[in-house]
PDB file of all heavy atoms in Angstrom:
ATOM      1  N   ALA A   1       0.818  -1.220   0.000  1.00  0.00           N
ATOM      2  CA  ALA A   1       0.000   0.000   0.000  1.00  0.00           C
ATOM      3  C   ALA A   1       0.847   1.263   0.000  1.00  0.00           C
ATOM      4  O   ALA A   1       0.307   2.370  -0.061  1.00  0.00           O
ATOM      5  CB  ALA A   1      -0.938  -0.003   1.209  1.00  0.00           C
ATOM      6  N   CYS A   2       2.161   1.107   0.074  1.00  0.00           N
ATOM      7  CA  CYS A   2       3.082   2.248  -0.031  1.00  0.00           C
ATOM      8  C   CYS A   2       3.874   2.202  -1.329  1.00  0.00           C
ATOM      9  O   CYS A   2       4.706   3.090  -1.579  1.00  0.00           O
ATOM     10  CB  CYS A   2       4.039   2.261   1.161  1.00  0.00           C
ATOM     11  SG  CYS A   2       3.225   2.435   2.765  1.00  0.00           S
ATOM     12  N   ASN A   3       3.619   1.200  -2.144  1.00  0.00           N
ATOM     13  CA  ASN A   3       4.352   1.022  -3.390  1.00  0.00           C
ATOM     14  C   ASN A   3       3.988   2.114  -4.400  1.00  0.00           C
ATOM     15  O   ASN A   3       2.802   2.351  -4.675  1.00  0.00           O
ATOM     16  CB  ASN A   3       4.032  -0.362  -3.960  1.00  0.00           C
ATOM     17  CG  ASN A   3       4.779  -0.660  -5.232  1.00  0.00           C
ATOM     18  OD1 ASN A   3       4.436  -0.134  -6.292  1.00  0.00           O
ATOM     19  ND2 ASN A   3       5.787  -1.507  -5.144  1.00  0.00           N
ATOM     20  N   LYS A   4       4.975   2.767  -4.959  1.00  0.00           N
ATOM     21  CA  LYS A   4       4.732   3.906  -5.863  1.00  0.00           C
ATOM     22  C   LYS A   4       3.982   3.489  -7.121  1.00  0.00           C
ATOM     23  O   LYS A   4       3.165   4.250  -7.652  1.00  0.00           O
ATOM     24  CB  LYS A   4       6.068   4.569  -6.225  1.00  0.00           C
ATOM     25  CG  LYS A   4       6.714   5.320  -5.071  1.00  0.00           C
ATOM     26  CD  LYS A   4       7.993   6.006  -5.507  1.00  0.00           C
ATOM     27  CE  LYS A   4       8.625   6.764  -4.342  1.00  0.00           C
ATOM     28  NZ  LYS A   4       9.888   7.432  -4.750  1.00  0.00           N
ATOM     29  N   ASP A   5       4.269   2.293  -7.612  1.00  0.00           N
ATOM     30  CA  ASP A   5       3.562   1.826  -8.815  1.00  0.00           C
ATOM     31  C   ASP A   5       2.068   1.658  -8.548  1.00  0.00           C
ATOM     32  O   ASP A   5       1.227   1.998  -9.396  1.00  0.00           O
ATOM     33  CB  ASP A   5       4.152   0.501  -9.293  1.00  0.00           C
ATOM     34  CG  ASP A   5       5.561   0.650  -9.842  1.00  0.00           C
ATOM     35  OD1 ASP A   5       5.927   1.775 -10.239  1.00  0.00           O
ATOM     36  OD2 ASP A   5       6.304  -0.359  -9.848  1.00  0.00           O
ATOM     37  N   ASN A   6       1.733   1.137  -7.370  1.00  0.00           N
ATOM     38  CA  ASN A   6       0.318   0.984  -7.009  1.00  0.00           C
ATOM     39  C   ASN A   6      -0.363   2.335  -6.848  1.00  0.00           C
ATOM     40  O   ASN A   6      -1.524   2.515  -7.237  1.00  0.00           O
ATOM     41  CB  ASN A   6       0.198   0.173  -5.717  1.00  0.00           C
ATOM     42  CG  ASN A   6       0.498  -1.296  -5.914  1.00  0.00           C
ATOM     43  OD1 ASN A   6       0.325  -1.828  -7.014  1.00  0.00           O
ATOM     44  ND2 ASN A   6       0.970  -1.959  -4.865  1.00  0.00           N
ATOM     45  N   ILE A   7       0.346   3.290  -6.259  1.00  0.00           N
ATOM     46  CA  ILE A   7      -0.203   4.639  -6.090  1.00  0.00           C
ATOM     47  C   ILE A   7      -0.481   5.265  -7.453  1.00  0.00           C
ATOM     48  O   ILE A   7      -1.543   5.865  -7.671  1.00  0.00           O
ATOM     49  CB  ILE A   7       0.768   5.520  -5.269  1.00  0.00           C
ATOM     50  CG1 ILE A   7       0.917   4.963  -3.849  1.00  0.00           C
ATOM     51  CG2 ILE A   7       0.271   6.958  -5.215  1.00  0.00           C
ATOM     52  CD1 ILE A   7       2.095   5.542  -3.091  1.00  0.00           C
ATOM     53  N   GLU A   8       0.449   5.095  -8.384  1.00  0.00           N
ATOM     54  CA  GLU A   8       0.269   5.647  -9.722  1.00  0.00           C
ATOM     55  C   GLU A   8      -0.902   4.997 -10.455  1.00  0.00           C
ATOM     56  O   GLU A   8      -1.629   5.654 -11.197  1.00  0.00           O
ATOM     57  CB  GLU A   8       1.560   5.501 -10.542  1.00  0.00           C
ATOM     58  CG  GLU A   8       2.642   6.471 -10.161  1.00  0.00           C
ATOM     59  CD  GLU A   8       2.176   7.918 -10.262  1.00  0.00           C
ATOM     60  OE1 GLU A   8       1.651   8.302 -11.335  1.00  0.00           O
ATOM     61  OE2 GLU A   8       2.317   8.653  -9.270  1.00  0.00           O
ATOM     62  N   LEU A   9      -1.086   3.691 -10.238  1.00  0.00           N
ATOM     63  CA  LEU A   9      -2.222   3.013 -10.856  1.00  0.00           C
ATOM     64  C   LEU A   9      -3.535   3.648 -10.418  1.00  0.00           C
ATOM     65  O   LEU A   9      -4.430   3.881 -11.248  1.00  0.00           O
ATOM     66  CB  LEU A   9      -2.218   1.528 -10.478  1.00  0.00           C
ATOM     67  CG  LEU A   9      -1.396   0.578 -11.328  1.00  0.00           C
ATOM     68  CD1 LEU A   9      -1.414  -0.823 -10.729  1.00  0.00           C
ATOM     69  CD2 LEU A   9      -1.901   0.533 -12.767  1.00  0.00           C
ATOM     70  N   ILE A  10      -3.663   3.919  -9.126  1.00  0.00           N
ATOM     71  CA  ILE A  10      -4.899   4.535  -8.630  1.00  0.00           C
ATOM     72  C   ILE A  10      -5.074   5.930  -9.225  1.00  0.00           C
ATOM     73  O   ILE A  10      -6.167   6.307  -9.650  1.00  0.00           O
ATOM     74  CB  ILE A  10      -4.902   4.587  -7.095  1.00  0.00           C
ATOM     75  CG1 ILE A  10      -5.141   3.190  -6.527  1.00  0.00           C
ATOM     76  CG2 ILE A  10      -5.992   5.541  -6.585  1.00  0.00           C
ATOM     77  CD1 ILE A  10      -5.387   3.122  -5.052  1.00  0.00           C
ATOM     78  N   LYS A  11      -4.007   6.709  -9.257  1.00  0.00           N
ATOM     79  CA  LYS A  11      -4.111   8.080  -9.767  1.00  0.00           C
ATOM     80  C   LYS A  11      -4.454   8.117 -11.254  1.00  0.00           C
ATOM     81  O   LYS A  11      -5.071   9.078 -11.734  1.00  0.00           O
ATOM     82  CB  LYS A  11      -2.805   8.832  -9.504  1.00  0.00           C
ATOM     83  CG  LYS A  11      -2.596   9.158  -8.033  1.00  0.00           C
ATOM     84  CD  LYS A  11      -1.326   9.968  -7.818  1.00  0.00           C
ATOM     85  CE  LYS A  11      -1.168  10.358  -6.360  1.00  0.00           C
ATOM     86  NZ  LYS A  11       0.075  11.140  -6.118  1.00  0.00           N
ATOM     87  N   LYS A  12      -4.078   7.068 -11.978  1.00  0.00           N
ATOM     88  CA  LYS A  12      -4.330   7.035 -13.419  1.00  0.00           C
ATOM     89  C   LYS A  12      -5.679   6.422 -13.770  1.00  0.00           C
ATOM     90  O   LYS A  12      -6.189   6.634 -14.876  1.00  0.00           O
ATOM     91  CB  LYS A  12      -3.228   6.240 -14.127  1.00  0.00           C
ATOM     92  CG  LYS A  12      -1.883   6.939 -14.164  1.00  0.00           C
ATOM     93  CD  LYS A  12      -0.849   6.048 -14.850  1.00  0.00           C
ATOM     94  CE  LYS A  12       0.514   6.717 -14.884  1.00  0.00           C
ATOM     95  NZ  LYS A  12       1.535   5.823 -15.494  1.00  0.00           N
ATOM     96  N   CYS A  13      -6.267   5.649 -12.861  1.00  0.00           N
ATOM     97  CA  CYS A  13      -7.482   4.916 -13.224  1.00  0.00           C
ATOM     98  C   CYS A  13      -8.682   5.857 -13.345  1.00  0.00           C
ATOM     99  O   CYS A  13      -8.748   6.895 -12.693  1.00  0.00           O
ATOM    100  CB  CYS A  13      -7.775   3.806 -12.210  1.00  0.00           C
ATOM    101  SG  CYS A  13      -8.558   4.336 -10.680  1.00  0.00           S
ATOM    102  N   ASN A  14      -9.594   5.476 -14.184  1.00  0.00           N
ATOM    103  CA  ASN A  14     -10.849   6.217 -14.342  1.00  0.00           C
ATOM    104  C   ASN A  14     -11.976   5.588 -13.535  1.00  0.00           C
ATOM    105  O   ASN A  14     -12.952   6.244 -13.186  1.00  0.00           O
ATOM    106  CB  ASN A  14     -11.245   6.271 -15.813  1.00  0.00           C
ATOM    107  CG  ASN A  14     -10.165   6.898 -16.669  1.00  0.00           C
ATOM    108  OD1 ASN A  14      -9.328   6.179 -17.218  1.00  0.00           O
ATOM    109  ND2 ASN A  14     -10.145   8.209 -16.758  1.00  0.00           N
ATOM    110  N   LEU A  15     -11.842   4.289 -13.239  1.00  0.00           N
ATOM    111  CA  LEU A  15     -12.836   3.572 -12.458  1.00  0.00           C
ATOM    112  C   LEU A  15     -12.107   2.533 -11.603  1.00  0.00           C
ATOM    113  O   LEU A  15     -11.327   1.736 -12.120  1.00  0.00           O
ATOM    114  CB  LEU A  15     -13.850   2.894 -13.377  1.00  0.00           C
ATOM    115  CG  LEU A  15     -15.146   2.358 -12.758  1.00  0.00           C
ATOM    116  CD1 LEU A  15     -16.209   2.183 -13.829  1.00  0.00           C
ATOM    117  CD2 LEU A  15     -14.948   1.037 -12.033  1.00  0.00           C
ATOM    118  N   LEU A  16     -12.369   2.561 -10.307  1.00  0.00           N
ATOM    119  CA  LEU A  16     -11.783   1.596  -9.374  1.00  0.00           C
ATOM    120  C   LEU A  16     -12.885   0.674  -8.882  1.00  0.00           C
ATOM    121  O   LEU A  16     -13.923   1.138  -8.399  1.00  0.00           O
ATOM    122  CB  LEU A  16     -11.141   2.337  -8.199  1.00  0.00           C
ATOM    123  CG  LEU A  16     -10.514   1.475  -7.092  1.00  0.00           C
ATOM    124  CD1 LEU A  16      -9.349   0.664  -7.634  1.00  0.00           C
ATOM    125  CD2 LEU A  16     -10.048   2.352  -5.933  1.00  0.00           C
ATOM    126  N   PHE A  17     -12.645  -0.639  -8.987  1.00  0.00           N
ATOM    127  CA  PHE A  17     -13.653  -1.629  -8.619  1.00  0.00           C
ATOM    128  C   PHE A  17     -13.115  -2.515  -7.503  1.00  0.00           C
ATOM    129  O   PHE A  17     -12.142  -3.244  -7.688  1.00  0.00           O
ATOM    130  CB  PHE A  17     -14.029  -2.483  -9.829  1.00  0.00           C
ATOM    131  CG  PHE A  17     -15.147  -3.452  -9.578  1.00  0.00           C
ATOM    132  CD1 PHE A  17     -16.466  -3.088  -9.840  1.00  0.00           C
ATOM    133  CD2 PHE A  17     -14.898  -4.730  -9.079  1.00  0.00           C
ATOM    134  CE1 PHE A  17     -17.508  -3.983  -9.609  1.00  0.00           C
ATOM    135  CE2 PHE A  17     -15.932  -5.624  -8.841  1.00  0.00           C
ATOM    136  CZ  PHE A  17     -17.237  -5.253  -9.104  1.00  0.00           C
ATOM    137  N   PHE A  18     -13.783  -2.474  -6.319  1.00  0.00           N
ATOM    138  CA  PHE A  18     -13.421  -3.331  -5.192  1.00  0.00           C
ATOM    139  C   PHE A  18     -14.218  -4.637  -5.267  1.00  0.00           C
ATOM    140  O   PHE A  18     -15.444  -4.619  -5.277  1.00  0.00           O
ATOM    141  CB  PHE A  18     -13.748  -2.642  -3.861  1.00  0.00           C
ATOM    142  CG  PHE A  18     -12.753  -1.596  -3.442  1.00  0.00           C
ATOM    143  CD1 PHE A  18     -13.028  -0.250  -3.627  1.00  0.00           C
ATOM    144  CD2 PHE A  18     -11.556  -1.947  -2.847  1.00  0.00           C
ATOM    145  CE1 PHE A  18     -12.122   0.732  -3.228  1.00  0.00           C
ATOM    146  CE2 PHE A  18     -10.641  -0.982  -2.438  1.00  0.00           C
ATOM    147  CZ  PHE A  18     -10.927   0.360  -2.631  1.00  0.00           C
ATOM    148  N   THR A  19     -13.508  -5.765  -5.256  1.00  0.00           N
ATOM    149  CA  THR A  19     -14.188  -7.053  -5.224  1.00  0.00           C
ATOM    150  C   THR A  19     -14.639  -7.375  -3.799  1.00  0.00           C
ATOM    151  O   THR A  19     -14.334  -6.647  -2.855  1.00  0.00           O
ATOM    152  CB  THR A  19     -13.253  -8.176  -5.712  1.00  0.00           C
ATOM    153  OG1 THR A  19     -12.201  -8.363  -4.749  1.00  0.00           O
ATOM    154  CG2 THR A  19     -12.649  -7.838  -7.061  1.00  0.00           C
ATOM    155  N   GLY A  20     -15.344  -8.495  -3.641  1.00  0.00           N
ATOM    156  CA  GLY A  20     -15.800  -8.921  -2.329  1.00  0.00           C
ATOM    157  C   GLY A  20     -14.721  -9.660  -1.553  1.00  0.00           C
ATOM    158  O   GLY A  20     -13.615  -9.896  -2.047  1.00  0.00           O
ATOM    159  N   GLY A  21     -15.079 -10.034  -0.321  1.00  0.00           N
ATOM    160  CA  GLY A  21     -14.140 -10.723   0.557  1.00  0.00           C
ATOM    161  C   GLY A  21     -14.392 -10.327   1.999  1.00  0.00           C
ATOM    162  O   GLY A  21     -15.507 -10.473   2.502  1.00  0.00           O
ATOM    163  N   ASP A  22     -13.391  -9.781   2.646  1.00  0.00           N
ATOM    164  CA  ASP A  22     -13.464  -9.348   4.043  1.00  0.00           C
ATOM    165  C   ASP A  22     -13.157  -7.860   4.105  1.00  0.00           C
ATOM    166  O   ASP A  22     -12.043  -7.442   3.790  1.00  0.00           O
ATOM    167  CB  ASP A  22     -12.448 -10.147   4.871  1.00  0.00           C
ATOM    168  CG  ASP A  22     -12.440  -9.763   6.343  1.00  0.00           C
ATOM    169  OD1 ASP A  22     -13.106  -8.780   6.726  1.00  0.00           O
ATOM    170  OD2 ASP A  22     -11.740 -10.432   7.124  1.00  0.00           O
ATOM    171  N   GLN A  23     -14.147  -7.064   4.520  1.00  0.00           N
ATOM    172  CA  GLN A  23     -13.957  -5.612   4.515  1.00  0.00           C
ATOM    173  C   GLN A  23     -12.862  -5.148   5.470  1.00  0.00           C
ATOM    174  O   GLN A  23     -12.227  -4.115   5.249  1.00  0.00           O
ATOM    175  CB  GLN A  23     -15.271  -4.877   4.800  1.00  0.00           C
ATOM    176  CG  GLN A  23     -16.025  -5.298   6.037  1.00  0.00           C
ATOM    177  CD  GLN A  23     -17.125  -6.284   5.703  1.00  0.00           C
ATOM    178  OE1 GLN A  23     -16.907  -7.226   4.951  1.00  0.00           O
ATOM    179  NE2 GLN A  23     -18.309  -6.088   6.260  1.00  0.00           N
ATOM    180  N   LEU A  24     -12.605  -5.906   6.528  1.00  0.00           N
ATOM    181  CA  LEU A  24     -11.528  -5.529   7.446  1.00  0.00           C
ATOM    182  C   LEU A  24     -10.154  -5.663   6.798  1.00  0.00           C
ATOM    183  O   LEU A  24      -9.215  -4.967   7.187  1.00  0.00           O
ATOM    184  CB  LEU A  24     -11.583  -6.379   8.721  1.00  0.00           C
ATOM    185  CG  LEU A  24     -12.373  -5.792   9.896  1.00  0.00           C
ATOM    186  CD1 LEU A  24     -12.341  -6.744  11.078  1.00  0.00           C
ATOM    187  CD2 LEU A  24     -11.852  -4.421  10.307  1.00  0.00           C
ATOM    188  N   ARG A  25     -10.019  -6.542   5.825  1.00  0.00           N
ATOM    189  CA  ARG A  25      -8.751  -6.614   5.087  1.00  0.00           C
ATOM    190  C   ARG A  25      -8.490  -5.300   4.357  1.00  0.00           C
ATOM    191  O   ARG A  25      -7.353  -4.807   4.326  1.00  0.00           O
ATOM    192  CB  ARG A  25      -8.784  -7.770   4.079  1.00  0.00           C
ATOM    193  CG  ARG A  25      -8.550  -9.136   4.686  1.00  0.00           C
ATOM    194  CD  ARG A  25      -8.574 -10.224   3.611  1.00  0.00           C
ATOM    195  NE  ARG A  25      -7.598  -9.981   2.561  1.00  0.00           N
ATOM    196  CZ  ARG A  25      -6.321 -10.360   2.621  1.00  0.00           C
ATOM    197  NH1 ARG A  25      -5.871 -10.988   3.682  1.00  0.00           N
ATOM    198  NH2 ARG A  25      -5.500 -10.119   1.617  1.00  0.00           N
ATOM    199  N   ILE A  26      -9.545  -4.708   3.794  1.00  0.00           N
ATOM    200  CA  ILE A  26      -9.369  -3.454   3.055  1.00  0.00           C
ATOM    201  C   ILE A  26      -8.918  -2.336   3.989  1.00  0.00           C
ATOM    202  O   ILE A  26      -7.910  -1.655   3.737  1.00  0.00           O
ATOM    203  CB  ILE A  26     -10.670  -3.055   2.337  1.00  0.00           C
ATOM    204  CG1 ILE A  26     -11.077  -4.129   1.324  1.00  0.00           C
ATOM    205  CG2 ILE A  26     -10.501  -1.707   1.632  1.00  0.00           C
ATOM    206  CD1 ILE A  26     -12.415  -3.875   0.653  1.00  0.00           C
ATOM    207  N   THR A  27      -9.644  -2.131   5.080  1.00  0.00           N
ATOM    208  CA  THR A  27      -9.324  -1.001   5.966  1.00  0.00           C
ATOM    209  C   THR A  27      -8.020  -1.215   6.720  1.00  0.00           C
ATOM    210  O   THR A  27      -7.243  -0.276   6.904  1.00  0.00           O
ATOM    211  CB  THR A  27     -10.462  -0.757   6.964  1.00  0.00           C
ATOM    212  OG1 THR A  27     -10.741  -1.973   7.690  1.00  0.00           O
ATOM    213  CG2 THR A  27     -11.717  -0.302   6.242  1.00  0.00           C
ATOM    214  N   SER A  28      -7.753  -2.440   7.166  1.00  0.00           N
ATOM    215  CA  SER A  28      -6.535  -2.671   7.950  1.00  0.00           C
ATOM    216  C   SER A  28      -5.275  -2.581   7.092  1.00  0.00           C
ATOM    217  O   SER A  28      -4.206  -2.220   7.586  1.00  0.00           O
ATOM    218  CB  SER A  28      -6.594  -4.042   8.642  1.00  0.00           C
ATOM    219  OG  SER A  28      -6.647  -5.091   7.691  1.00  0.00           O
ATOM    220  N   ILE A  29      -5.389  -2.887   5.801  1.00  0.00           N
ATOM    221  CA  ILE A  29      -4.230  -2.786   4.909  1.00  0.00           C
ATOM    222  C   ILE A  29      -4.056  -1.370   4.376  1.00  0.00           C
ATOM    223  O   ILE A  29      -2.935  -0.856   4.292  1.00  0.00           O
ATOM    224  CB  ILE A  29      -4.364  -3.795   3.747  1.00  0.00           C
ATOM    225  CG1 ILE A  29      -4.224  -5.225   4.280  1.00  0.00           C
ATOM    226  CG2 ILE A  29      -3.325  -3.536   2.663  1.00  0.00           C
ATOM    227  CD1 ILE A  29      -4.504  -6.302   3.250  1.00  0.00           C
ATOM    228  N   LEU A  30      -5.162  -0.689   4.041  1.00  0.00           N
ATOM    229  CA  LEU A  30      -5.061   0.623   3.392  1.00  0.00           C
ATOM    230  C   LEU A  30      -5.020   1.804   4.362  1.00  0.00           C
ATOM    231  O   LEU A  30      -4.469   2.858   4.029  1.00  0.00           O
ATOM    232  CB  LEU A  30      -6.232   0.831   2.430  1.00  0.00           C
ATOM    233  CG  LEU A  30      -6.373  -0.122   1.253  1.00  0.00           C
ATOM    234  CD1 LEU A  30      -7.437   0.398   0.301  1.00  0.00           C
ATOM    235  CD2 LEU A  30      -5.042  -0.312   0.531  1.00  0.00           C
ATOM    236  N   GLY A  31      -5.596   1.653   5.538  1.00  0.00           N
ATOM    237  CA  GLY A  31      -5.732   2.792   6.445  1.00  0.00           C
ATOM    238  C   GLY A  31      -4.406   3.462   6.765  1.00  0.00           C
ATOM    239  O   GLY A  31      -3.437   2.798   7.148  1.00  0.00           O
ATOM    240  N   GLY A  32      -4.340   4.789   6.602  1.00  0.00           N
ATOM    241  CA  GLY A  32      -3.147   5.547   6.951  1.00  0.00           C
ATOM    242  C   GLY A  32      -1.999   5.423   5.969  1.00  0.00           C
ATOM    243  O   GLY A  32      -0.880   5.864   6.258  1.00  0.00           O
ATOM    244  N   THR A  33      -2.246   4.867   4.785  1.00  0.00           N
ATOM    245  CA  THR A  33      -1.182   4.676   3.790  1.00  0.00           C
ATOM    246  C   THR A  33      -1.344   5.659   2.629  1.00  0.00           C
ATOM    247  O   THR A  33      -2.407   6.264   2.448  1.00  0.00           O
ATOM    248  CB  THR A  33      -1.220   3.244   3.219  1.00  0.00           C
ATOM    249  OG1 THR A  33      -2.422   3.092   2.434  1.00  0.00           O
ATOM    250  CG2 THR A  33      -1.188   2.208   4.334  1.00  0.00           C
ATOM    251  N   PRO A  34      -0.296   5.816   1.810  1.00  0.00           N
ATOM    252  CA  PRO A  34      -0.418   6.668   0.618  1.00  0.00           C
ATOM    253  C   PRO A  34      -1.509   6.195  -0.353  1.00  0.00           C
ATOM    254  O   PRO A  34      -2.109   7.006  -1.054  1.00  0.00           O
ATOM    255  CB  PRO A  34       0.967   6.575  -0.026  1.00  0.00           C
ATOM    256  CG  PRO A  34       1.888   6.263   1.096  1.00  0.00           C
ATOM    257  CD  PRO A  34       1.095   5.374   2.017  1.00  0.00           C
TER     258      PRO A  34
END
């Protein structure tokens, strides 16, 4: 979640799609990161 390539992917995308799974994985991995 701090990887520059991943950050650039988000900044370049026109549509971001989150798949299903466990919502706590999303917040615990992404929270407070670039």
